[in-house]
Amino acid sequence: MRPPEGHSALPRSARVLKAMNADTVCALYEEAARLRLGLGAGGPWLRAHMDSDAVHHLVPDPASYYWPDGERRWWQCTALLRMSDGEQVTGMLAVLPETMAG
């Protein structure tokens, strides 16, 4: 992924597909809502429809207008989620940088 002109690339630790369980994904959606990061509207419906035994994935995927910089303290990510009916869906989620670096 190339950064927009005039911006630095994401750190190497962030350029990964990160696997996580349903509890972690739901906690990240709750954190995004609590911190009012702007992307990610989870809630009880999400946990009710996600496959709790599946592996879900998160990958940094910022649009040029959401590219992290000194003012934007969160990263736009694509969430790849497996639902309880077996369907895989995608959504956008804002996460703090330490989520991807850790």
PDB file of N, CA and C in Angstrom:
ATOM      1  N   MET A   1       0.847  -1.155   0.000  1.00  0.00           N
ATOM      2  CA  MET A   1       0.000   0.000   0.000  1.00  0.00           C
ATOM      3  C   MET A   1       0.899   1.227   0.000  1.00  0.00           C
ATOM      4  N   ARG A   2       0.642   2.077  -0.940  1.00  0.00           N
ATOM      5  CA  ARG A   2       1.432   3.306  -1.069  1.00  0.00           C
ATOM      6  C   ARG A   2       0.735   4.452  -0.332  1.00  0.00           C
ATOM      7  N   PRO A   3       1.539   5.232   0.376  1.00  0.00           N
ATOM      8  CA  PRO A   3       0.944   6.388   1.051  1.00  0.00           C
ATOM      9  C   PRO A   3       0.609   7.471   0.031  1.00  0.00           C
ATOM     10  N   PRO A   4      -0.364   8.308   0.342  1.00  0.00           N
ATOM     11  CA  PRO A   4      -0.668   9.438  -0.533  1.00  0.00           C
ATOM     12  C   PRO A   4       0.531  10.388  -0.587  1.00  0.00           C
ATOM     13  N   GLU A   5       0.602  11.152  -1.634  1.00  0.00           N
ATOM     14  CA  GLU A   5       1.704  12.092  -1.794  1.00  0.00           C
ATOM     15  C   GLU A   5       1.799  13.008  -0.578  1.00  0.00           C
ATOM     16  N   GLY A   6       3.006  13.159  -0.073  1.00  0.00           N
ATOM     17  CA  GLY A   6       3.244  14.029   1.069  1.00  0.00           C
ATOM     18  C   GLY A   6       3.073  13.359   2.417  1.00  0.00           C
ATOM     19  N   HIS A   7       2.757  12.064   2.420  1.00  0.00           N
ATOM     20  CA  HIS A   7       2.567  11.340   3.680  1.00  0.00           C
ATOM     21  C   HIS A   7       3.581  10.211   3.801  1.00  0.00           C
ATOM     22  N   SER A   8       3.897   9.855   5.030  1.00  0.00           N
ATOM     23  CA  SER A   8       4.805   8.740   5.289  1.00  0.00           C
ATOM     24  C   SER A   8       4.063   7.416   5.195  1.00  0.00           C
ATOM     25  N   ALA A   9       4.813   6.367   4.871  1.00  0.00           N
ATOM     26  CA  ALA A   9       4.228   5.024   4.844  1.00  0.00           C
ATOM     27  C   ALA A   9       3.862   4.594   6.258  1.00  0.00           C
ATOM     28  N   LEU A  10       2.915   3.678   6.347  1.00  0.00           N
ATOM     29  CA  LEU A  10       2.608   3.085   7.654  1.00  0.00           C
ATOM     30  C   LEU A  10       3.825   2.298   8.121  1.00  0.00           C
ATOM     31  N   PRO A  11       4.026   2.176   9.424  1.00  0.00           N
ATOM     32  CA  PRO A  11       5.151   1.381   9.916  1.00  0.00           C
ATOM     33  C   PRO A  11       5.030  -0.077   9.437  1.00  0.00           C
ATOM     34  N   ARG A  12       6.167  -0.741   9.284  1.00  0.00           N
ATOM     35  CA  ARG A  12       6.179  -2.130   8.823  1.00  0.00           C
ATOM     36  C   ARG A  12       5.276  -3.019   9.682  1.00  0.00           C
ATOM     37  N   SER A  13       5.261  -2.786  10.981  1.00  0.00           N
ATOM     38  CA  SER A  13       4.441  -3.613  11.882  1.00  0.00           C
ATOM     39  C   SER A  13       2.950  -3.478  11.597  1.00  0.00           C
ATOM     40  N   ALA A  14       2.569  -2.413  10.893  1.00  0.00           N
ATOM     41  CA  ALA A  14       1.151  -2.189  10.600  1.00  0.00           C
ATOM     42  C   ALA A  14       0.731  -2.775   9.260  1.00  0.00           C
ATOM     43  N   ARG A  15       1.675  -3.147   8.443  1.00  0.00           N
ATOM     44  CA  ARG A  15       1.341  -3.650   7.110  1.00  0.00           C
ATOM     45  C   ARG A  15       1.153  -5.153   7.144  1.00  0.00           C
ATOM     46  N   VAL A  16       0.199  -5.596   7.959  1.00  0.00           N
ATOM     47  CA  VAL A  16      -0.052  -7.023   8.157  1.00  0.00           C
ATOM     48  C   VAL A  16      -1.549  -7.293   8.201  1.00  0.00           C
ATOM     49  N   LEU A  17      -1.883  -8.525   7.933  1.00  0.00           N
ATOM     50  CA  LEU A  17      -3.240  -9.027   8.147  1.00  0.00           C
ATOM     51  C   LEU A  17      -3.219  -9.649   9.529  1.00  0.00           C
ATOM     52  N   LYS A  18      -3.998  -9.111  10.451  1.00  0.00           N
ATOM     53  CA  LYS A  18      -3.956  -9.561  11.842  1.00  0.00           C
ATOM     54  C   LYS A  18      -5.169 -10.432  12.143  1.00  0.00           C
ATOM     55  N   ALA A  19      -4.916 -11.654  12.579  1.00  0.00           N
ATOM     56  CA  ALA A  19      -5.980 -12.585  12.955  1.00  0.00           C
ATOM     57  C   ALA A  19      -6.393 -12.323  14.395  1.00  0.00           C
ATOM     58  N   MET A  20      -7.704 -12.426  14.662  1.00  0.00           N
ATOM     59  CA  MET A  20      -8.205 -12.218  16.018  1.00  0.00           C
ATOM     60  C   MET A  20      -9.509 -12.975  16.223  1.00  0.00           C
ATOM     61  N   ASN A  21      -9.851 -13.180  17.469  1.00  0.00           N
ATOM     62  CA  ASN A  21     -11.098 -13.881  17.781  1.00  0.00           C
ATOM     63  C   ASN A  21     -12.261 -12.895  17.872  1.00  0.00           C
ATOM     64  N   ALA A  22     -13.451 -13.432  17.988  1.00  0.00           N
ATOM     65  CA  ALA A  22     -14.668 -12.609  18.001  1.00  0.00           C
ATOM     66  C   ALA A  22     -14.685 -11.642  19.183  1.00  0.00           C
ATOM     67  N   ASP A  23     -14.223 -12.073  20.340  1.00  0.00           N
ATOM     68  CA  ASP A  23     -14.218 -11.190  21.512  1.00  0.00           C
ATOM     69  C   ASP A  23     -13.339  -9.957  21.272  1.00  0.00           C
ATOM     70  N   THR A  24     -12.180 -10.174  20.646  1.00  0.00           N
ATOM     71  CA  THR A  24     -11.273  -9.062  20.367  1.00  0.00           C
ATOM     72  C   THR A  24     -11.890  -8.098  19.358  1.00  0.00           C
ATOM     73  N   VAL A  25     -12.493  -8.655  18.305  1.00  0.00           N
ATOM     74  CA  VAL A  25     -13.135  -7.808  17.289  1.00  0.00           C
ATOM     75  C   VAL A  25     -14.239  -6.968  17.930  1.00  0.00           C
ATOM     76  N   CYS A  26     -15.083  -7.592  18.712  1.00  0.00           N
ATOM     77  CA  CYS A  26     -16.177  -6.857  19.361  1.00  0.00           C
ATOM     78  C   CYS A  26     -15.632  -5.781  20.301  1.00  0.00           C
ATOM     79  N   ALA A  27     -14.552  -6.089  21.016  1.00  0.00           N
ATOM     80  CA  ALA A  27     -13.946  -5.101  21.913  1.00  0.00           C
ATOM     81  C   ALA A  27     -13.409  -3.911  21.121  1.00  0.00           C
ATOM     82  N   LEU A  28     -12.850  -4.164  19.941  1.00  0.00           N
ATOM     83  CA  LEU A  28     -12.345  -3.058  19.110  1.00  0.00           C
ATOM     84  C   LEU A  28     -13.479  -2.186  18.591  1.00  0.00           C
ATOM     85  N   TYR A  29     -14.588  -2.800  18.207  1.00  0.00           N
ATOM     86  CA  TYR A  29     -15.752  -2.008  17.775  1.00  0.00           C
ATOM     87  C   TYR A  29     -16.283  -1.174  18.939  1.00  0.00           C
ATOM     88  N   GLU A  30     -16.321  -1.761  20.140  1.00  0.00           N
ATOM     89  CA  GLU A  30     -16.780  -1.018  21.319  1.00  0.00           C
ATOM     90  C   GLU A  30     -15.833   0.135  21.633  1.00  0.00           C
ATOM     91  N   GLU A  31     -14.527  -0.117  21.494  1.00  0.00           N
ATOM     92  CA  GLU A  31     -13.541   0.940  21.738  1.00  0.00           C
ATOM     93  C   GLU A  31     -13.708   2.077  20.734  1.00  0.00           C
ATOM     94  N   ALA A  32     -13.906   1.748  19.473  1.00  0.00           N
ATOM     95  CA  ALA A  32     -14.096   2.773  18.442  1.00  0.00           C
ATOM     96  C   ALA A  32     -15.313   3.636  18.753  1.00  0.00           C
ATOM     97  N   ALA A  33     -16.381   3.005  19.218  1.00  0.00           N
ATOM     98  CA  ALA A  33     -17.585   3.764  19.566  1.00  0.00           C
ATOM     99  C   ALA A  33     -17.337   4.628  20.805  1.00  0.00           C
ATOM    100  N   ARG A  34     -16.711   4.036  21.832  1.00  0.00           N
ATOM    101  CA  ARG A  34     -16.466   4.757  23.080  1.00  0.00           C
ATOM    102  C   ARG A  34     -15.562   5.975  22.853  1.00  0.00           C
ATOM    103  N   LEU A  35     -14.534   5.812  22.010  1.00  0.00           N
ATOM    104  CA  LEU A  35     -13.599   6.904  21.742  1.00  0.00           C
ATOM    105  C   LEU A  35     -14.059   7.821  20.617  1.00  0.00           C
ATOM    106  N   ARG A  36     -15.206   7.494  20.013  1.00  0.00           N
ATOM    107  CA  ARG A  36     -15.781   8.280  18.916  1.00  0.00           C
ATOM    108  C   ARG A  36     -14.778   8.473  17.778  1.00  0.00           C
ATOM    109  N   LEU A  37     -14.213   7.344  17.344  1.00  0.00           N
ATOM    110  CA  LEU A  37     -13.208   7.389  16.285  1.00  0.00           C
ATOM    111  C   LEU A  37     -13.831   7.578  14.903  1.00  0.00           C
ATOM    112  N   GLY A  38     -15.116   7.313  14.770  1.00  0.00           N
ATOM    113  CA  GLY A  38     -15.799   7.623  13.521  1.00  0.00           C
ATOM    114  C   GLY A  38     -16.075   6.449  12.607  1.00  0.00           C
ATOM    115  N   LEU A  39     -15.343   5.366  12.720  1.00  0.00           N
ATOM    116  CA  LEU A  39     -15.582   4.188  11.883  1.00  0.00           C
ATOM    117  C   LEU A  39     -15.770   2.986  12.779  1.00  0.00           C
ATOM    118  N   GLY A  40     -16.857   2.293  12.585  1.00  0.00           N
ATOM    119  CA  GLY A  40     -17.115   1.092  13.370  1.00  0.00           C
ATOM    120  C   GLY A  40     -18.301   1.288  14.273  1.00  0.00           C
ATOM    121  N   ALA A  41     -19.377   0.645  13.923  1.00  0.00           N
ATOM    122  CA  ALA A  41     -20.583   0.718  14.737  1.00  0.00           C
ATOM    123  C   ALA A  41     -20.991  -0.706  15.090  1.00  0.00           C
ATOM    124  N   GLY A  42     -20.343  -1.246  16.084  1.00  0.00           N
ATOM    125  CA  GLY A  42     -20.671  -2.600  16.524  1.00  0.00           C
ATOM    126  C   GLY A  42     -21.907  -2.557  17.384  1.00  0.00           C
ATOM    127  N   GLY A  43     -21.933  -3.389  18.365  1.00  0.00           N
ATOM    128  CA  GLY A  43     -23.055  -3.453  19.271  1.00  0.00           C
ATOM    129  C   GLY A  43     -23.480  -4.886  19.461  1.00  0.00           C
ATOM    130  N   PRO A  44     -24.518  -5.099  20.232  1.00  0.00           N
ATOM    131  CA  PRO A  44     -24.972  -6.466  20.512  1.00  0.00           C
ATOM    132  C   PRO A  44     -25.303  -7.261  19.256  1.00  0.00           C
ATOM    133  N   TRP A  45     -25.785  -6.595  18.213  1.00  0.00           N
ATOM    134  CA  TRP A  45     -26.135  -7.312  16.983  1.00  0.00           C
ATOM    135  C   TRP A  45     -24.902  -7.954  16.355  1.00  0.00           C
ATOM    136  N   LEU A  46     -23.745  -7.295  16.449  1.00  0.00           N
ATOM    137  CA  LEU A  46     -22.530  -7.833  15.842  1.00  0.00           C
ATOM    138  C   LEU A  46     -22.135  -9.143  16.511  1.00  0.00           C
ATOM    139  N   ARG A  47     -22.055  -9.133  17.824  1.00  0.00           N
ATOM    140  CA  ARG A  47     -21.687 -10.348  18.556  1.00  0.00           C
ATOM    141  C   ARG A  47     -22.701 -11.461  18.300  1.00  0.00           C
ATOM    142  N   ALA A  48     -23.970 -11.109  18.189  1.00  0.00           N
ATOM    143  CA  ALA A  48     -25.013 -12.115  17.974  1.00  0.00           C
ATOM    144  C   ALA A  48     -24.896 -12.787  16.615  1.00  0.00           C
ATOM    145  N   HIS A  49     -24.338 -12.100  15.626  1.00  0.00           N
ATOM    146  CA  HIS A  49     -24.273 -12.642  14.272  1.00  0.00           C
ATOM    147  C   HIS A  49     -22.900 -13.138  13.848  1.00  0.00           C
ATOM    148  N   MET A  50     -21.851 -12.824  14.617  1.00  0.00           N
ATOM    149  CA  MET A  50     -20.505 -13.305  14.284  1.00  0.00           C
ATOM    150  C   MET A  50     -20.339 -14.750  14.710  1.00  0.00           C
ATOM    151  N   ASP A  51     -19.557 -15.487  13.949  1.00  0.00           N
ATOM    152  CA  ASP A  51     -19.195 -16.861  14.323  1.00  0.00           C
ATOM    153  C   ASP A  51     -18.176 -16.757  15.447  1.00  0.00           C
ATOM    154  N   SER A  52     -18.555 -17.156  16.639  1.00  0.00           N
ATOM    155  CA  SER A  52     -17.671 -17.001  17.797  1.00  0.00           C
ATOM    156  C   SER A  52     -16.485 -17.954  17.760  1.00  0.00           C
ATOM    157  N   ASP A  53     -16.544 -18.994  16.926  1.00  0.00           N
ATOM    158  CA  ASP A  53     -15.436 -19.942  16.826  1.00  0.00           C
ATOM    159  C   ASP A  53     -14.497 -19.657  15.656  1.00  0.00           C
ATOM    160  N   ALA A  54     -14.849 -18.715  14.799  1.00  0.00           N
ATOM    161  CA  ALA A  54     -14.058 -18.434  13.607  1.00  0.00           C
ATOM    162  C   ALA A  54     -12.909 -17.486  13.914  1.00  0.00           C
ATOM    163  N   VAL A  55     -11.955 -17.473  13.013  1.00  0.00           N
ATOM    164  CA  VAL A  55     -10.880 -16.485  13.055  1.00  0.00           C
ATOM    165  C   VAL A  55     -11.305 -15.334  12.152  1.00  0.00           C
ATOM    166  N   HIS A  56     -11.215 -14.139  12.670  1.00  0.00           N
ATOM    167  CA  HIS A  56     -11.569 -12.929  11.942  1.00  0.00           C
ATOM    168  C   HIS A  56     -10.268 -12.171  11.667  1.00  0.00           C
ATOM    169  N   HIS A  57     -10.288 -11.254  10.696  1.00  0.00           N
ATOM    170  CA  HIS A  57      -9.052 -10.571  10.314  1.00  0.00           C
ATOM    171  C   HIS A  57      -9.259  -9.062  10.221  1.00  0.00           C
ATOM    172  N   LEU A  58      -8.168  -8.359  10.471  1.00  0.00           N
ATOM    173  CA  LEU A  58      -8.143  -6.910  10.382  1.00  0.00           C
ATOM    174  C   LEU A  58      -6.878  -6.515   9.626  1.00  0.00           C
ATOM    175  N   VAL A  59      -7.025  -5.598   8.680  1.00  0.00           N
ATOM    176  CA  VAL A  59      -5.866  -5.124   7.920  1.00  0.00           C
ATOM    177  C   VAL A  59      -5.974  -3.608   7.745  1.00  0.00           C
ATOM    178  N   PRO A  60      -4.894  -2.867   8.022  1.00  0.00           N
ATOM    179  CA  PRO A  60      -4.918  -1.428   7.781  1.00  0.00           C
ATOM    180  C   PRO A  60      -5.182  -1.156   6.304  1.00  0.00           C
ATOM    181  N   ASP A  61      -6.102  -0.259   6.051  1.00  0.00           N
ATOM    182  CA  ASP A  61      -6.525   0.025   4.683  1.00  0.00           C
ATOM    183  C   ASP A  61      -7.021   1.468   4.593  1.00  0.00           C
ATOM    184  N   PRO A  62      -6.180   2.436   5.016  1.00  0.00           N
ATOM    185  CA  PRO A  62      -6.675   3.811   5.061  1.00  0.00           C
ATOM    186  C   PRO A  62      -6.851   4.434   3.676  1.00  0.00           C
ATOM    187  N   ALA A  63      -7.976   5.081   3.508  1.00  0.00           N
ATOM    188  CA  ALA A  63      -8.193   5.887   2.307  1.00  0.00           C
ATOM    189  C   ALA A  63      -7.263   7.093   2.393  1.00  0.00           C
ATOM    190  N   SER A  64      -6.951   7.686   1.262  1.00  0.00           N
ATOM    191  CA  SER A  64      -6.019   8.819   1.276  1.00  0.00           C
ATOM    192  C   SER A  64      -6.513   9.949   2.181  1.00  0.00           C
ATOM    193  N   TYR A  65      -7.823  10.159   2.256  1.00  0.00           N
ATOM    194  CA  TYR A  65      -8.347  11.231   3.100  1.00  0.00           C
ATOM    195  C   TYR A  65      -8.435  10.829   4.575  1.00  0.00           C
ATOM    196  N   TYR A  66      -8.178   9.558   4.904  1.00  0.00           N
ATOM    197  CA  TYR A  66      -8.121   9.096   6.295  1.00  0.00           C
ATOM    198  C   TYR A  66      -6.708   8.661   6.673  1.00  0.00           C
ATOM    199  N   TRP A  67      -5.711   9.043   5.878  1.00  0.00           N
ATOM    200  CA  TRP A  67      -4.356   8.587   6.152  1.00  0.00           C
ATOM    201  C   TRP A  67      -3.911   9.118   7.510  1.00  0.00           C
ATOM    202  N   PRO A  68      -3.336   8.252   8.351  1.00  0.00           N
ATOM    203  CA  PRO A  68      -2.904   8.696   9.684  1.00  0.00           C
ATOM    204  C   PRO A  68      -1.840   9.786   9.586  1.00  0.00           C
ATOM    205  N   ASP A  69      -1.977  10.779  10.428  1.00  0.00           N
ATOM    206  CA  ASP A  69      -0.992  11.858  10.491  1.00  0.00           C
ATOM    207  C   ASP A  69      -0.956  12.388  11.912  1.00  0.00           C
ATOM    208  N   GLY A  70      -0.352  13.512  12.106  1.00  0.00           N
ATOM    209  CA  GLY A  70      -0.234  14.070  13.445  1.00  0.00           C
ATOM    210  C   GLY A  70      -1.558  14.367  14.115  1.00  0.00           C
ATOM    211  N   GLU A  71      -2.589  14.691  13.329  1.00  0.00           N
ATOM    212  CA  GLU A  71      -3.894  15.016  13.903  1.00  0.00           C
ATOM    213  C   GLU A  71      -4.787  13.783  14.052  1.00  0.00           C
ATOM    214  N   ARG A  72      -4.693  12.864  13.129  1.00  0.00           N
ATOM    215  CA  ARG A  72      -5.535  11.656  13.158  1.00  0.00           C
ATOM    216  C   ARG A  72      -4.787  10.583  13.932  1.00  0.00           C
ATOM    217  N   ARG A  73      -5.306  10.213  15.079  1.00  0.00           N
ATOM    218  CA  ARG A  73      -4.614   9.263  15.943  1.00  0.00           C
ATOM    219  C   ARG A  73      -5.092   7.830  15.757  1.00  0.00           C
ATOM    220  N   TRP A  74      -5.924   7.583  14.764  1.00  0.00           N
ATOM    221  CA  TRP A  74      -6.420   6.227  14.530  1.00  0.00           C
ATOM    222  C   TRP A  74      -6.155   5.816  13.097  1.00  0.00           C
ATOM    223  N   TRP A  75      -6.237   4.501  12.860  1.00  0.00           N
ATOM    224  CA  TRP A  75      -6.024   3.957  11.528  1.00  0.00           C
ATOM    225  C   TRP A  75      -7.320   3.350  11.023  1.00  0.00           C
ATOM    226  N   GLN A  76      -7.645   3.623   9.781  1.00  0.00           N
ATOM    227  CA  GLN A  76      -8.789   2.987   9.134  1.00  0.00           C
ATOM    228  C   GLN A  76      -8.353   1.589   8.712  1.00  0.00           C
ATOM    229  N   CYS A  77      -9.145   0.591   9.095  1.00  0.00           N
ATOM    230  CA  CYS A  77      -8.854  -0.802   8.755  1.00  0.00           C
ATOM    231  C   CYS A  77     -10.076  -1.454   8.115  1.00  0.00           C
ATOM    232  N   THR A  78      -9.808  -2.476   7.317  1.00  0.00           N
ATOM    233  CA  THR A  78     -10.873  -3.329   6.807  1.00  0.00           C
ATOM    234  C   THR A  78     -10.962  -4.530   7.725  1.00  0.00           C
ATOM    235  N   ALA A  79     -12.165  -4.832   8.173  1.00  0.00           N
ATOM    236  CA  ALA A  79     -12.420  -6.005   9.003  1.00  0.00           C
ATOM    237  C   ALA A  79     -13.042  -7.081   8.113  1.00  0.00           C
ATOM    238  N   LEU A  80     -12.463  -8.276   8.133  1.00  0.00           N
ATOM    239  CA  LEU A  80     -12.999  -9.428   7.414  1.00  0.00           C
ATOM    240  C   LEU A  80     -13.592 -10.356   8.465  1.00  0.00           C
ATOM    241  N   LEU A  81     -14.904 -10.456   8.474  1.00  0.00           N
ATOM    242  CA  LEU A  81     -15.602 -11.165   9.539  1.00  0.00           C
ATOM    243  C   LEU A  81     -16.366 -12.367   8.995  1.00  0.00           C
ATOM    244  N   ARG A  82     -16.292 -13.471   9.723  1.00  0.00           N
ATOM    245  CA  ARG A  82     -17.065 -14.670   9.391  1.00  0.00           C
ATOM    246  C   ARG A  82     -18.313 -14.654  10.270  1.00  0.00           C
ATOM    247  N   MET A  83     -19.463 -14.736   9.624  1.00  0.00           N
ATOM    248  CA  MET A  83     -20.721 -14.671  10.356  1.00  0.00           C
ATOM    249  C   MET A  83     -21.200 -16.086  10.717  1.00  0.00           C
ATOM    250  N   SER A  84     -22.177 -16.161  11.597  1.00  0.00           N
ATOM    251  CA  SER A  84     -22.654 -17.463  12.084  1.00  0.00           C
ATOM    252  C   SER A  84     -23.291 -18.308  10.993  1.00  0.00           C
ATOM    253  N   ASP A  85     -23.749 -17.689   9.892  1.00  0.00           N
ATOM    254  CA  ASP A  85     -24.316 -18.460   8.783  1.00  0.00           C
ATOM    255  C   ASP A  85     -23.254 -18.882   7.773  1.00  0.00           C
ATOM    256  N   GLY A  86     -21.969 -18.598   8.068  1.00  0.00           N
ATOM    257  CA  GLY A  86     -20.870 -18.990   7.202  1.00  0.00           C
ATOM    258  C   GLY A  86     -20.436 -17.930   6.213  1.00  0.00           C
ATOM    259  N   GLU A  87     -21.232 -16.886   6.050  1.00  0.00           N
ATOM    260  CA  GLU A  87     -20.880 -15.836   5.096  1.00  0.00           C
ATOM    261  C   GLU A  87     -19.736 -14.993   5.638  1.00  0.00           C
ATOM    262  N   GLN A  88     -18.849 -14.566   4.744  1.00  0.00           N
ATOM    263  CA  GLN A  88     -17.780 -13.660   5.127  1.00  0.00           C
ATOM    264  C   GLN A  88     -18.156 -12.268   4.650  1.00  0.00           C
ATOM    265  N   VAL A  89     -18.068 -11.300   5.547  1.00  0.00           N
ATOM    266  CA  VAL A  89     -18.421  -9.920   5.226  1.00  0.00           C
ATOM    267  C   VAL A  89     -17.248  -9.013   5.568  1.00  0.00           C
ATOM    268  N   THR A  90     -17.267  -7.817   4.982  1.00  0.00           N
ATOM    269  CA  THR A  90     -16.239  -6.831   5.286  1.00  0.00           C
ATOM    270  C   THR A  90     -16.894  -5.591   5.866  1.00  0.00           C
ATOM    271  N   GLY A  91     -16.122  -4.876   6.627  1.00  0.00           N
ATOM    272  CA  GLY A  91     -16.578  -3.616   7.192  1.00  0.00           C
ATOM    273  C   GLY A  91     -15.373  -2.749   7.472  1.00  0.00           C
ATOM    274  N   MET A  92     -15.613  -1.511   7.797  1.00  0.00           N
ATOM    275  CA  MET A  92     -14.534  -0.597   8.138  1.00  0.00           C
ATOM    276  C   MET A  92     -14.526  -0.395   9.647  1.00  0.00           C
ATOM    277  N   LEU A  93     -13.334  -0.251  10.179  1.00  0.00           N
ATOM    278  CA  LEU A  93     -13.175  -0.080  11.614  1.00  0.00           C
ATOM    279  C   LEU A  93     -11.986   0.829  11.869  1.00  0.00           C
ATOM    280  N   ALA A  94     -12.135   1.773  12.768  1.00  0.00           N
ATOM    281  CA  ALA A  94     -11.031   2.638  13.185  1.00  0.00           C
ATOM    282  C   ALA A  94     -10.402   2.018  14.429  1.00  0.00           C
ATOM    283  N   VAL A  95      -9.086   1.863  14.394  1.00  0.00           N
ATOM    284  CA  VAL A  95      -8.375   1.296  15.541  1.00  0.00           C
ATOM    285  C   VAL A  95      -7.200   2.193  15.893  1.00  0.00           C
ATOM    286  N   LEU A  96      -6.773   2.113  17.130  1.00  0.00           N
ATOM    287  CA  LEU A  96      -5.595   2.843  17.567  1.00  0.00           C
ATOM    288  C   LEU A  96      -4.359   2.112  17.043  1.00  0.00           C
ATOM    289  N   PRO A  97      -3.277   2.824  16.731  1.00  0.00           N
ATOM    290  CA  PRO A  97      -2.098   2.203  16.137  1.00  0.00           C
ATOM    291  C   PRO A  97      -1.539   1.032  16.927  1.00  0.00           C
ATOM    292  N   GLU A  98      -1.597   1.099  18.254  1.00  0.00           N
ATOM    293  CA  GLU A  98      -1.040   0.016  19.060  1.00  0.00           C
ATOM    294  C   GLU A  98      -1.783  -1.304  18.870  1.00  0.00           C
ATOM    295  N   THR A  99      -3.010  -1.242  18.375  1.00  0.00           N
ATOM    296  CA  THR A  99      -3.775  -2.467  18.087  1.00  0.00           C
ATOM    297  C   THR A  99      -3.076  -3.290  17.015  1.00  0.00           C
ATOM    298  N   MET A 100      -2.552  -2.632  16.001  1.00  0.00           N
ATOM    299  CA  MET A 100      -1.902  -3.343  14.908  1.00  0.00           C
ATOM    300  C   MET A 100      -0.439  -3.633  15.200  1.00  0.00           C
ATOM    301  N   ALA A 101       0.177  -2.822  16.022  1.00  0.00           N
ATOM    302  CA  ALA A 101       1.604  -3.002  16.303  1.00  0.00           C
ATOM    303  C   ALA A 101       1.840  -4.105  17.328  1.00  0.00           C
ATOM    304  N   GLY A 102       0.831  -4.396  18.145  1.00  0.00           N
ATOM    305  CA  GLY A 102       1.024  -5.368  19.221  1.00  0.00           C
ATOM    306  C   GLY A 102       0.774  -6.784  18.838  1.00  0.00           C
TER     307      GLY A 102
END
